[in-house]
Protein backbone atom coordinates (compact mmCIF):
# COMPACT_ATOMS: atom_id res chain seq x y z
CA MET A 1 -109.34 21.78 19.76
CA SER A 2 -111.99 21.77 17.05
CA GLU A 3 -112.51 18.72 14.88
CA SER A 4 -111.50 20.66 11.77
CA SER A 5 -108.09 21.49 13.25
CA VAL A 6 -107.15 17.85 13.86
CA PRO A 7 -104.69 16.66 11.20
CA SER A 8 -106.13 14.01 8.93
CA LEU A 9 -104.57 10.60 9.56
CA ASN A 10 -105.32 9.66 5.96
CA HIS A 11 -103.46 12.60 4.43
CA GLN A 12 -100.29 11.53 2.65
CA PRO A 13 -97.86 14.05 1.17
CA LYS A 14 -97.55 13.84 -2.60
CA PRO A 15 -94.46 11.77 -3.49
CA SER A 16 -91.71 13.67 -5.27
CA THR A 17 -91.17 12.60 -8.88
CA LEU A 18 -88.12 13.17 -11.06
CA VAL A 19 -87.82 12.37 -14.77
CA MET A 20 -84.26 12.02 -16.07
CA LYS A 21 -83.21 11.74 -19.68
CA PHE A 22 -79.82 10.40 -20.76
CA GLY A 23 -78.50 11.33 -24.19
CA GLY A 24 -76.59 9.06 -26.56
CA THR A 25 -73.13 10.02 -25.27
CA SER A 26 -74.37 9.43 -21.70
CA VAL A 27 -75.02 5.76 -22.50
CA GLY A 28 -72.67 5.31 -25.45
CA THR A 29 -69.97 3.27 -23.71
CA ALA A 30 -69.74 0.97 -20.71
CA GLU A 31 -68.03 3.74 -18.73
CA ALA A 32 -70.70 6.29 -19.67
CA MET A 33 -73.60 3.98 -18.83
CA THR A 34 -71.95 3.09 -15.53
CA GLN A 35 -71.91 6.80 -14.73
CA ALA A 36 -75.59 7.05 -15.68
CA VAL A 37 -76.40 4.14 -13.34
CA HIS A 38 -74.65 5.91 -10.44
CA ILE A 39 -76.59 9.10 -11.18
CA VAL A 40 -79.87 7.17 -10.99
CA ILE A 41 -78.78 5.55 -7.71
CA ASP A 42 -77.99 8.98 -6.23
CA ALA A 43 -81.34 10.35 -7.41
CA LYS A 44 -83.19 7.48 -5.76
CA ARG A 45 -81.75 8.55 -2.40
CA THR A 46 -83.49 11.93 -2.52
CA TRP A 47 -86.51 11.43 -4.79
CA ASP A 48 -89.46 9.18 -4.00
CA ARG A 49 -90.01 8.23 -7.63
CA VAL A 50 -87.56 8.29 -10.54
CA VAL A 51 -88.39 7.74 -14.21
CA VAL A 52 -85.55 7.33 -16.73
CA THR A 53 -85.80 7.85 -20.47
CA THR A 54 -82.85 7.14 -22.72
CA SER A 55 -81.61 7.80 -26.21
CA ALA A 56 -79.94 5.15 -28.35
CA LEU A 57 -76.23 4.59 -27.81
CA SER A 58 -74.26 7.35 -29.54
CA GLY A 59 -74.03 6.87 -33.29
CA VAL A 60 -76.58 4.06 -33.44
CA THR A 61 -79.54 5.98 -34.89
CA ASN A 62 -77.40 7.39 -37.72
CA LEU A 63 -76.07 3.90 -38.44
CA LEU A 64 -79.59 2.47 -38.58
CA LEU A 65 -81.04 5.16 -40.83
CA ASP A 66 -78.02 5.34 -43.15
CA SER A 67 -78.25 1.58 -43.63
CA ALA A 68 -81.97 1.75 -44.41
CA ASN A 69 -81.46 4.52 -46.96
CA ALA A 70 -78.62 2.55 -48.55
CA ALA A 71 -80.91 -0.49 -48.77
CA ALA A 72 -83.46 1.65 -50.63
CA ARG A 73 -80.73 2.30 -53.23
CA GLY A 74 -80.19 -1.43 -53.58
CA GLU A 75 -77.05 -1.58 -51.44
CA THR A 76 -77.13 -4.61 -49.13
CA GLN A 77 -73.59 -4.54 -47.74
CA PRO A 78 -74.10 -1.48 -45.47
CA TYR A 79 -76.86 -3.06 -43.40
CA ILE A 80 -74.99 -6.37 -43.14
CA GLN A 81 -71.94 -4.54 -41.82
CA ALA A 82 -74.15 -2.37 -39.59
CA ALA A 83 -75.68 -5.48 -37.99
CA GLN A 84 -72.20 -6.67 -37.00
CA GLU A 85 -71.30 -3.22 -35.68
CA LEU A 86 -74.53 -2.99 -33.68
CA ARG A 87 -73.91 -6.36 -32.07
CA GLN A 88 -70.34 -5.48 -31.18
CA LYS A 89 -71.25 -2.05 -29.81
CA HIS A 90 -74.04 -3.30 -27.57
CA TYR A 91 -72.24 -6.43 -26.42
CA SER A 92 -69.27 -4.29 -25.32
CA VAL A 93 -71.61 -2.41 -22.97
CA ILE A 94 -73.53 -5.46 -21.75
CA GLN A 95 -70.58 -7.51 -20.52
CA PRO A 96 -69.13 -5.12 -17.91
CA LEU A 97 -72.50 -3.77 -16.74
CA ILE A 98 -74.42 -7.02 -16.29
CA PRO A 99 -72.07 -9.50 -14.56
CA ASN A 100 -74.66 -12.26 -13.99
CA PRO A 101 -74.07 -14.79 -16.85
CA THR A 102 -77.71 -15.86 -17.11
CA ARG A 103 -79.03 -12.30 -17.20
CA GLN A 104 -76.26 -11.27 -19.60
CA TYR A 105 -77.25 -14.10 -21.98
CA GLN A 106 -80.92 -13.00 -21.86
CA VAL A 107 -80.05 -9.40 -22.69
CA LYS A 108 -77.81 -10.46 -25.58
CA GLN A 109 -80.67 -12.56 -26.92
CA ASP A 110 -82.97 -9.53 -26.77
CA ILE A 111 -80.42 -7.44 -28.66
CA ASP A 112 -79.99 -10.18 -31.28
CA HIS A 113 -83.76 -10.31 -31.86
CA LEU A 114 -83.85 -6.55 -32.50
CA ILE A 115 -80.85 -6.74 -34.84
CA ASN A 116 -82.63 -9.50 -36.77
CA ASP A 117 -85.66 -7.20 -37.02
CA PHE A 118 -83.34 -4.52 -38.41
CA ILE A 119 -82.00 -6.91 -41.07
CA SER A 120 -85.53 -7.99 -42.03
CA LEU A 121 -86.68 -4.37 -42.36
CA CYS A 122 -83.68 -3.47 -44.53
CA GLN A 123 -84.28 -6.51 -46.73
CA ALA A 124 -87.90 -5.42 -47.23
CA ILE A 125 -86.78 -1.86 -48.03
CA ALA A 126 -84.25 -3.20 -50.56
CA ILE A 127 -86.93 -5.28 -52.29
CA LEU A 128 -89.32 -2.33 -52.48
CA GLY A 129 -86.56 0.07 -53.49
CA GLU A 130 -88.02 2.72 -51.20
CA ALA A 131 -87.56 3.76 -47.57
CA THR A 132 -90.91 5.26 -46.61
CA PRO A 133 -91.18 7.52 -43.54
CA ARG A 134 -93.09 4.73 -41.77
CA ALA A 135 -90.32 2.23 -42.53
CA LEU A 136 -87.63 4.68 -41.40
CA ASP A 137 -89.45 5.16 -38.09
CA ALA A 138 -89.56 1.39 -37.59
CA VAL A 139 -85.81 1.19 -38.26
CA GLY A 140 -84.88 4.34 -36.34
CA SER A 141 -86.73 3.23 -33.20
CA LEU A 142 -84.52 0.15 -32.76
CA GLY A 143 -81.63 2.05 -31.14
CA GLU A 144 -83.68 3.20 -28.15
CA ARG A 145 -85.30 -0.22 -27.87
CA MET A 146 -81.84 -1.78 -27.55
CA ALA A 147 -80.65 0.82 -25.04
CA VAL A 148 -83.47 0.29 -22.52
CA ARG A 149 -82.89 -3.47 -22.58
CA ILE A 150 -79.36 -2.84 -21.32
CA LEU A 151 -79.86 0.09 -18.94
CA ALA A 152 -82.70 -1.52 -16.94
CA PRO A 153 -80.78 -4.74 -16.08
CA ALA A 154 -77.65 -2.62 -15.48
CA LEU A 155 -79.61 -0.85 -12.72
CA GLU A 156 -80.87 -4.20 -11.40
CA SER A 157 -77.24 -5.37 -11.20
CA LYS A 158 -76.68 -2.52 -8.73
CA SER A 159 -79.71 -3.53 -6.65
CA VAL A 160 -82.01 -0.88 -8.11
CA PRO A 161 -85.30 -2.53 -9.14
CA ALA A 162 -85.96 -1.43 -12.71
CA GLN A 163 -88.15 -2.36 -15.65
CA PHE A 164 -87.82 -1.31 -19.27
CA VAL A 165 -90.90 0.14 -20.95
CA GLU A 166 -91.51 0.72 -24.65
CA SER A 167 -92.91 4.24 -25.06
CA THR A 168 -95.17 2.93 -27.85
CA LEU A 169 -97.39 2.00 -24.88
CA LEU A 170 -97.23 5.53 -23.45
CA VAL A 171 -96.86 8.24 -26.10
CA ILE A 172 -99.82 8.18 -28.48
CA THR A 173 -99.28 10.24 -31.63
CA ASP A 174 -100.69 11.03 -35.03
CA ASP A 175 -99.30 9.26 -38.11
CA HIS A 176 -96.94 12.06 -39.21
CA PHE A 177 -94.01 9.66 -39.37
CA GLN A 178 -90.54 10.99 -38.51
CA SER A 179 -91.99 14.01 -36.71
CA ALA A 180 -95.13 12.79 -35.00
CA HIS A 181 -97.30 14.99 -32.77
CA PRO A 182 -98.48 13.55 -29.44
CA ASP A 183 -102.10 13.37 -28.38
CA PHE A 184 -101.57 14.67 -24.86
CA THR A 185 -104.94 13.50 -23.51
CA GLU A 186 -104.41 9.88 -24.61
CA THR A 187 -100.72 10.02 -23.69
CA THR A 188 -101.53 11.18 -20.16
CA HIS A 189 -104.03 8.36 -19.72
CA CYS A 190 -101.68 5.66 -21.06
CA THR A 191 -98.61 6.96 -19.22
CA ARG A 192 -100.35 6.93 -15.85
CA GLN A 193 -101.94 3.55 -16.53
CA VAL A 194 -98.59 1.91 -17.32
CA LEU A 195 -96.07 3.78 -15.17
CA GLU A 196 -97.98 4.36 -11.92
CA PRO A 197 -98.10 0.63 -10.97
CA ILE A 198 -94.35 0.33 -11.65
CA LEU A 199 -93.58 3.40 -9.54
CA ALA A 200 -95.89 2.14 -6.78
CA GLN A 201 -93.62 -0.91 -6.48
CA ASN A 202 -90.62 1.43 -6.00
CA GLU A 203 -89.18 0.38 -9.34
CA VAL A 204 -87.50 2.66 -11.88
CA PRO A 205 -89.20 2.60 -15.30
CA VAL A 206 -86.56 2.86 -18.04
CA VAL A 207 -88.43 4.23 -21.05
CA THR A 208 -87.45 4.49 -24.70
CA GLY A 209 -87.04 8.10 -25.74
CA PHE A 210 -87.78 9.41 -29.23
CA ILE A 211 -90.57 6.91 -29.92
CA GLY A 212 -94.35 6.91 -29.89
CA ALA A 213 -97.14 5.00 -31.63
CA THR A 214 -100.36 5.73 -33.46
CA PRO A 215 -103.64 4.68 -31.80
CA GLY A 216 -103.38 1.55 -33.96
CA GLY A 217 -99.96 0.71 -32.49
CA VAL A 218 -97.78 1.66 -35.49
CA THR A 219 -94.38 2.94 -34.33
CA THR A 220 -93.65 6.63 -34.88
CA THR A 221 -90.80 8.92 -33.87
CA LEU A 222 -90.87 12.49 -32.54
CA GLY A 223 -88.06 13.83 -34.73
CA ARG A 224 -84.30 13.70 -34.32
CA GLY A 225 -83.24 14.60 -30.81
CA GLY A 226 -86.76 13.77 -29.64
CA SER A 227 -85.72 11.94 -26.45
CA ASP A 228 -85.65 15.31 -24.67
CA TYR A 229 -89.21 15.85 -25.83
CA SER A 230 -90.14 12.36 -24.62
CA ALA A 231 -88.90 13.16 -21.11
CA ALA A 232 -90.92 16.39 -21.02
CA ILE A 233 -94.06 14.61 -22.28
CA LEU A 234 -93.79 11.91 -19.61
CA ALA A 235 -93.10 14.51 -16.92
CA ALA A 236 -96.21 16.48 -17.86
CA ALA A 237 -98.33 13.33 -18.02
CA LEU A 238 -97.47 11.94 -14.58
CA PRO A 239 -96.98 14.85 -13.52
CA ALA A 240 -93.38 15.09 -12.27
CA ASP A 241 -91.79 17.84 -10.21
CA GLU A 242 -88.66 18.24 -12.32
CA VAL A 243 -86.97 17.07 -15.52
CA TRP A 244 -83.19 16.69 -15.68
CA ILE A 245 -81.61 16.37 -19.12
CA TRP A 246 -78.23 14.61 -18.87
CA THR A 247 -75.83 15.35 -21.72
CA ASP A 248 -72.07 15.70 -22.26
CA VAL A 249 -71.66 19.42 -21.49
CA ASP A 250 -72.07 21.50 -18.32
CA GLY A 251 -75.49 22.84 -19.32
CA VAL A 252 -76.37 25.41 -21.98
CA MET A 253 -73.29 27.31 -23.15
CA THR A 254 -72.92 30.96 -24.12
CA ALA A 255 -71.71 29.77 -27.56
CA ASP A 256 -70.53 26.67 -29.35
CA PRO A 257 -67.17 25.93 -27.69
CA ARG A 258 -65.85 24.68 -31.03
CA LEU A 259 -66.21 28.25 -32.31
CA VAL A 260 -65.56 30.09 -29.05
CA PRO A 261 -63.02 28.37 -26.77
CA ASN A 262 -63.90 30.59 -23.79
CA ALA A 263 -67.64 29.79 -23.95
CA ARG A 264 -69.07 29.17 -20.49
CA THR A 265 -72.15 27.67 -18.88
CA ILE A 266 -75.22 29.87 -18.41
CA ASN A 267 -76.54 29.42 -14.87
CA GLU A 268 -80.13 30.38 -15.58
CA LEU A 269 -82.29 30.82 -18.68
CA SER A 270 -85.93 31.67 -19.17
CA TYR A 271 -88.04 29.30 -21.23
CA ARG A 272 -88.34 31.99 -23.88
CA GLU A 273 -84.56 32.38 -24.06
CA VAL A 274 -83.93 28.66 -24.34
CA SER A 275 -86.63 28.42 -27.03
CA GLU A 276 -84.65 30.85 -29.15
CA LEU A 277 -81.40 29.01 -28.46
CA ALA A 278 -82.82 25.56 -29.17
CA TYR A 279 -84.40 26.70 -32.43
CA PHE A 280 -81.35 28.59 -33.65
CA GLY A 281 -78.60 26.05 -33.26
CA ALA A 282 -77.99 25.24 -29.59
CA LYS A 283 -78.03 21.42 -29.67
CA VAL A 284 -78.49 20.92 -25.94
CA LEU A 285 -82.31 20.73 -26.05
CA HIS A 286 -84.89 19.62 -28.59
CA PRO A 287 -86.89 22.76 -29.48
CA LYS A 288 -90.23 21.20 -28.43
CA THR A 289 -88.99 20.07 -25.01
CA ILE A 290 -90.09 23.13 -23.12
CA ILE A 291 -93.71 23.12 -24.36
CA PRO A 292 -95.04 20.41 -22.00
CA VAL A 293 -93.02 21.61 -19.00
CA ILE A 294 -94.18 25.23 -19.37
CA ASP A 295 -97.81 24.14 -19.50
CA ALA A 296 -97.37 21.89 -16.44
CA GLY A 297 -95.14 24.29 -14.45
CA ILE A 298 -92.35 21.72 -14.17
CA GLY A 299 -88.74 22.61 -13.38
CA LEU A 300 -86.09 21.76 -15.98
CA ARG A 301 -82.34 21.42 -15.64
CA VAL A 302 -79.57 20.54 -18.11
CA CYS A 303 -76.67 18.62 -16.50
CA ASN A 304 -73.42 16.89 -17.47
CA THR A 305 -73.31 13.12 -17.04
CA PHE A 306 -69.53 13.25 -16.83
CA ASN A 307 -69.46 16.11 -14.32
CA PRO A 308 -72.55 15.45 -12.15
CA GLY A 309 -71.35 17.80 -9.40
CA HIS A 310 -71.76 20.80 -11.72
CA PRO A 311 -75.12 22.56 -11.22
CA GLY A 312 -75.65 22.88 -14.99
CA THR A 313 -78.26 25.27 -16.36
CA ARG A 314 -81.57 25.87 -14.61
CA LEU A 315 -84.50 26.73 -16.88
CA VAL A 316 -87.24 28.82 -15.32
CA SER A 317 -90.46 30.54 -16.32
CA ASP A 318 -90.22 33.99 -17.85
CA LYS A 319 -91.58 35.46 -14.59
CA GLN A 320 -88.96 33.70 -12.46
CA VAL A 321 -85.89 34.67 -14.46
CA THR A 322 -83.47 37.05 -12.79
CA GLN A 323 -83.69 40.24 -14.82
CA ASN A 324 -80.31 41.57 -15.96
CA HIS A 325 -81.05 44.79 -17.81
CA GLY A 326 -79.15 44.90 -21.08
CA THR A 327 -77.50 41.49 -20.75
CA ILE A 328 -76.79 39.35 -23.82
CA LYS A 329 -76.65 35.74 -22.64
CA ALA A 330 -75.70 33.65 -25.66
CA VAL A 331 -74.83 33.56 -29.35
CA THR A 332 -75.70 30.70 -31.69
CA ALA A 333 -74.97 29.94 -35.33
CA VAL A 334 -76.86 27.82 -37.87
CA ARG A 335 -75.01 26.82 -41.04
CA GLY A 336 -76.17 25.10 -44.21
CA LEU A 337 -78.70 27.75 -45.24
CA GLN A 338 -79.40 29.89 -48.28
CA LEU A 339 -81.43 33.07 -48.63
CA ILE A 340 -84.16 33.07 -51.27
CA THR A 341 -85.46 36.39 -52.52
CA VAL A 342 -88.66 37.09 -54.43
CA GLU A 343 -88.41 40.59 -55.89
CA GLY A 344 -90.30 42.80 -58.29
CA ARG A 345 -91.72 46.30 -58.59
CA GLY A 346 -95.10 44.82 -59.48
CA MET A 347 -95.41 43.35 -55.97
CA LEU A 348 -96.00 46.78 -54.42
CA GLY A 349 -99.38 46.88 -52.72
CA VAL A 350 -100.55 43.59 -54.28
CA PRO A 351 -102.41 41.50 -51.66
CA GLY A 352 -101.55 37.82 -51.21
CA VAL A 353 -97.98 37.78 -52.54
CA ALA A 354 -96.53 36.72 -49.20
CA ALA A 355 -99.25 34.09 -48.70
CA ARG A 356 -98.60 32.62 -52.15
CA THR A 357 -94.82 32.71 -51.56
CA PHE A 358 -94.96 30.75 -48.34
CA GLY A 359 -97.70 28.49 -49.67
CA ALA A 360 -95.25 27.47 -52.40
CA VAL A 361 -92.57 26.85 -49.78
CA ALA A 362 -94.96 24.87 -47.58
CA ALA A 363 -95.85 22.67 -50.55
CA THR A 364 -92.26 21.40 -50.49
CA GLY A 365 -92.52 20.47 -46.80
CA THR A 366 -89.81 22.95 -45.79
CA SER A 367 -89.69 24.99 -42.59
CA VAL A 368 -88.52 28.61 -42.84
CA PRO A 369 -86.30 29.74 -39.91
CA LEU A 370 -86.06 33.45 -40.83
CA ILE A 371 -88.12 35.95 -42.84
CA THR A 372 -87.48 39.60 -43.62
CA GLN A 373 -89.27 42.10 -45.86
CA ALA A 374 -88.57 45.72 -46.66
CA SER A 375 -91.38 48.25 -46.08
CA SER A 376 -91.36 49.01 -49.82
CA GLU A 377 -92.90 45.54 -50.33
CA GLN A 378 -90.70 45.02 -53.39
CA THR A 379 -88.81 42.06 -51.94
CA ILE A 380 -89.50 39.12 -49.66
CA CYS A 381 -86.41 37.37 -48.34
CA PHE A 382 -86.26 34.17 -46.27
CA ALA A 383 -83.80 31.46 -45.24
CA VAL A 384 -84.15 27.78 -46.10
CA PRO A 385 -81.94 24.69 -45.76
CA MET A 386 -79.54 24.36 -48.71
CA GLU A 387 -80.76 20.90 -49.64
CA ALA A 388 -84.28 22.28 -50.22
CA THR A 389 -83.30 25.35 -52.26
CA ALA A 390 -83.62 23.89 -55.76
CA GLU A 391 -87.06 22.41 -55.11
CA ILE A 392 -88.30 25.65 -53.52
CA LEU A 393 -87.08 27.75 -56.45
CA ARG A 394 -88.97 25.48 -58.86
CA SER A 395 -92.11 25.71 -56.72
CA LEU A 396 -91.91 29.53 -56.59
CA GLN A 397 -91.30 29.83 -60.32
CA ASP A 398 -94.34 27.65 -61.01
CA THR A 399 -96.47 29.65 -58.57
CA PHE A 400 -95.50 33.02 -60.03
CA ALA A 401 -95.14 31.98 -63.67
CA ASN A 402 -97.69 34.56 -64.85
CA GLU A 403 -96.20 37.36 -62.75
CA ILE A 404 -92.70 36.55 -64.01
CA ALA A 405 -93.96 36.56 -67.60
CA ARG A 406 -95.59 39.99 -67.03
CA GLN A 407 -92.41 41.17 -65.23
CA ASP A 408 -94.42 42.05 -62.13
CA ILE A 409 -91.85 39.81 -60.45
CA ASP A 410 -88.37 40.42 -61.79
CA ARG A 411 -86.69 37.33 -60.43
CA VAL A 412 -86.64 34.60 -57.81
CA TRP A 413 -83.09 33.78 -56.75
CA ALA A 414 -80.90 32.29 -54.02
CA THR A 415 -77.62 33.37 -52.42
CA GLU A 416 -74.64 31.16 -51.74
CA GLU A 417 -74.48 29.47 -48.33
CA VAL A 418 -75.19 31.79 -45.41
CA VAL A 419 -75.25 31.53 -41.61
CA ILE A 420 -77.93 32.71 -39.18
CA ILE A 421 -76.31 34.24 -36.09
CA THR A 422 -78.74 34.69 -33.19
CA ILE A 423 -78.10 36.82 -30.11
CA VAL A 424 -80.31 35.92 -27.12
CA GLY A 425 -81.08 37.55 -23.77
CA GLU A 426 -84.19 38.59 -21.82
CA GLY A 427 -82.24 41.66 -20.72
CA MET A 428 -82.12 42.89 -24.33
CA ARG A 429 -85.78 43.79 -24.18
CA SER A 430 -86.43 47.51 -24.36
CA THR A 431 -82.76 48.28 -23.68
CA PRO A 432 -81.62 51.26 -25.77
CA GLY A 433 -78.35 50.82 -27.59
CA ILE A 434 -78.14 47.02 -27.76
CA SER A 435 -78.57 46.93 -31.55
CA GLY A 436 -75.99 49.68 -31.94
CA ARG A 437 -73.43 47.76 -29.90
CA ILE A 438 -74.09 44.60 -31.93
CA PHE A 439 -73.63 46.30 -35.30
CA SER A 440 -70.63 48.29 -34.10
CA ALA A 441 -68.92 45.08 -32.95
CA LEU A 442 -69.58 43.43 -36.32
CA GLY A 443 -68.45 46.52 -38.21
CA GLU A 444 -65.13 46.57 -36.35
CA LYS A 445 -64.53 43.02 -37.61
CA CYS A 446 -65.60 43.97 -41.18
CA VAL A 447 -68.53 41.55 -41.05
CA ASN A 448 -71.31 42.48 -43.47
CA VAL A 449 -74.87 41.78 -42.34
CA ILE A 450 -76.96 40.52 -45.27
CA ALA A 451 -80.33 40.44 -43.49
CA ILE A 452 -81.79 40.96 -40.02
CA ALA A 453 -84.92 39.78 -38.19
CA GLN A 454 -86.16 40.51 -34.69
CA GLY A 455 -89.43 39.45 -33.12
CA SER A 456 -91.56 41.78 -31.04
CA SER A 457 -90.59 39.82 -27.91
CA GLU A 458 -87.05 41.19 -28.39
CA VAL A 459 -85.53 38.17 -26.61
CA GLY A 460 -83.56 37.25 -29.71
CA MET A 461 -82.13 39.04 -32.71
CA SER A 462 -81.08 37.08 -35.80
CA LEU A 463 -78.56 38.24 -38.38
CA VAL A 464 -77.60 36.62 -41.66
CA VAL A 465 -73.92 36.70 -42.66
CA ALA A 466 -71.79 34.98 -45.30
CA VAL A 467 -70.48 31.58 -44.29
CA GLU A 468 -66.87 32.79 -44.31
CA ASP A 469 -67.78 35.36 -41.60
CA ILE A 470 -69.06 32.83 -39.07
CA LEU A 471 -65.98 32.83 -36.83
CA PRO A 472 -65.38 36.59 -36.53
CA ALA A 473 -69.13 37.20 -36.15
CA VAL A 474 -69.72 34.67 -33.39
CA GLN A 475 -66.51 35.51 -31.54
CA CYS A 476 -67.01 39.28 -31.50
CA LEU A 477 -70.66 38.95 -30.44
CA HIS A 478 -69.68 36.49 -27.73
CA ASP A 479 -67.30 39.15 -26.42
CA LEU A 480 -70.41 41.30 -25.93
CA THR A 481 -71.91 38.63 -23.64
CA LEU A 482 -68.84 38.98 -21.46
CA LYS A 483 -68.96 42.79 -21.52
CA THR A 484 -72.68 43.11 -20.76
CA THR A 485 -72.50 40.55 -17.96
CA THR A 486 -69.47 42.26 -16.44
CA THR A 487 -71.10 45.69 -16.75
CA MET A 488 -74.27 44.54 -15.03
CA THR A 489 -72.33 42.74 -12.27
CA THR A 490 -69.99 45.61 -11.46
CA GLY A 491 -72.44 48.40 -12.15
């Protein structure tokens, strides 16, 4: 046997690493957190290394931010009542999960310190009469900071060595408070530096989701729902083999079950499909979650904390997805929108009108989820959140004041509330007749389509309908997911 064929005695297989994220409902009560603890214990039996990231207990972040905003209006009673509610909510979880009296007392002390920080922040906001984005991030981060201080000792109480970690030490971001962007190079360095020694001791790091910090150590947040994103960032930094997102449903559904009672779990989705779903109303995943895992080639699964035996939804690369020609996989709906239209015969062939339009929108800090324009170039139509409509109209009227005066632009106006309905499926791509079936189904239900947009990827098609048409539109299009799936299965 040659020397080169002798196995190296120093070679060690790479340890398997799993990152799990638990949402607010998965840790919101003593029973839910107990279930989360058992899930971590089961994972430790089959994975060499497990990292846990958690959201705040359900309802806590809203309570914190609502109290801070009330304080900015000079209202002190809401944050005083919120402090009592926070203490009661967290204590009710601590007592059954951490039976050791000494440890229980320590954890309650930790929670009390954070609640006192919350009161101090709200008092400062009330004095200033303003809740700045930086202040709101400081307040909003407290929920996750409380949660990790309970979940880690809860695991220890079940003989699972664990240690809570503030992600301000791991996720380094810019200073765009309330929707901060991570510096992935610095985050990778810090994450490995802090977490690797903990994992080497066979401990489970329990990390705050949703939170990061500037290079100077100022607390930031990644945007609402950002704990999913946190899990993906940590997974890419380590790197991990898989990310499991634990929520309160059996994976990604074909539609919102509140609108469609017979909605069902989708077994497999491509990253491109889930990007469309996450952006257009499916609340299971934060839209940015898939970016780090795609780049790192990491597997992603969405599971149900309260039904852990269910396989959930597996998310795969676009190359790995099982191609079902012509299949529509899901339908989503986003409410609370209005369509704004800029129209005028003088726009025809004039360069820069679109750039100036969306520059005016960008100046208000608003994101536009849908844009459509006729080939005549006489109108530009786009959707915006209702709460931003008035400010955007003012910005557009200021921008085009001269054109409006010359009647090159006839008017800038907004509809009543509308809904964006999005139909998603890789199998829709280059499949003749899909659009015809969609519009025929809507026509049979007398649903009028106000606007339509479809990207060149053809994975998703978005339609705008009146708010009163949301139920018939979603339900009849969901029936198409059943028909196309059945056709492909039996055909």
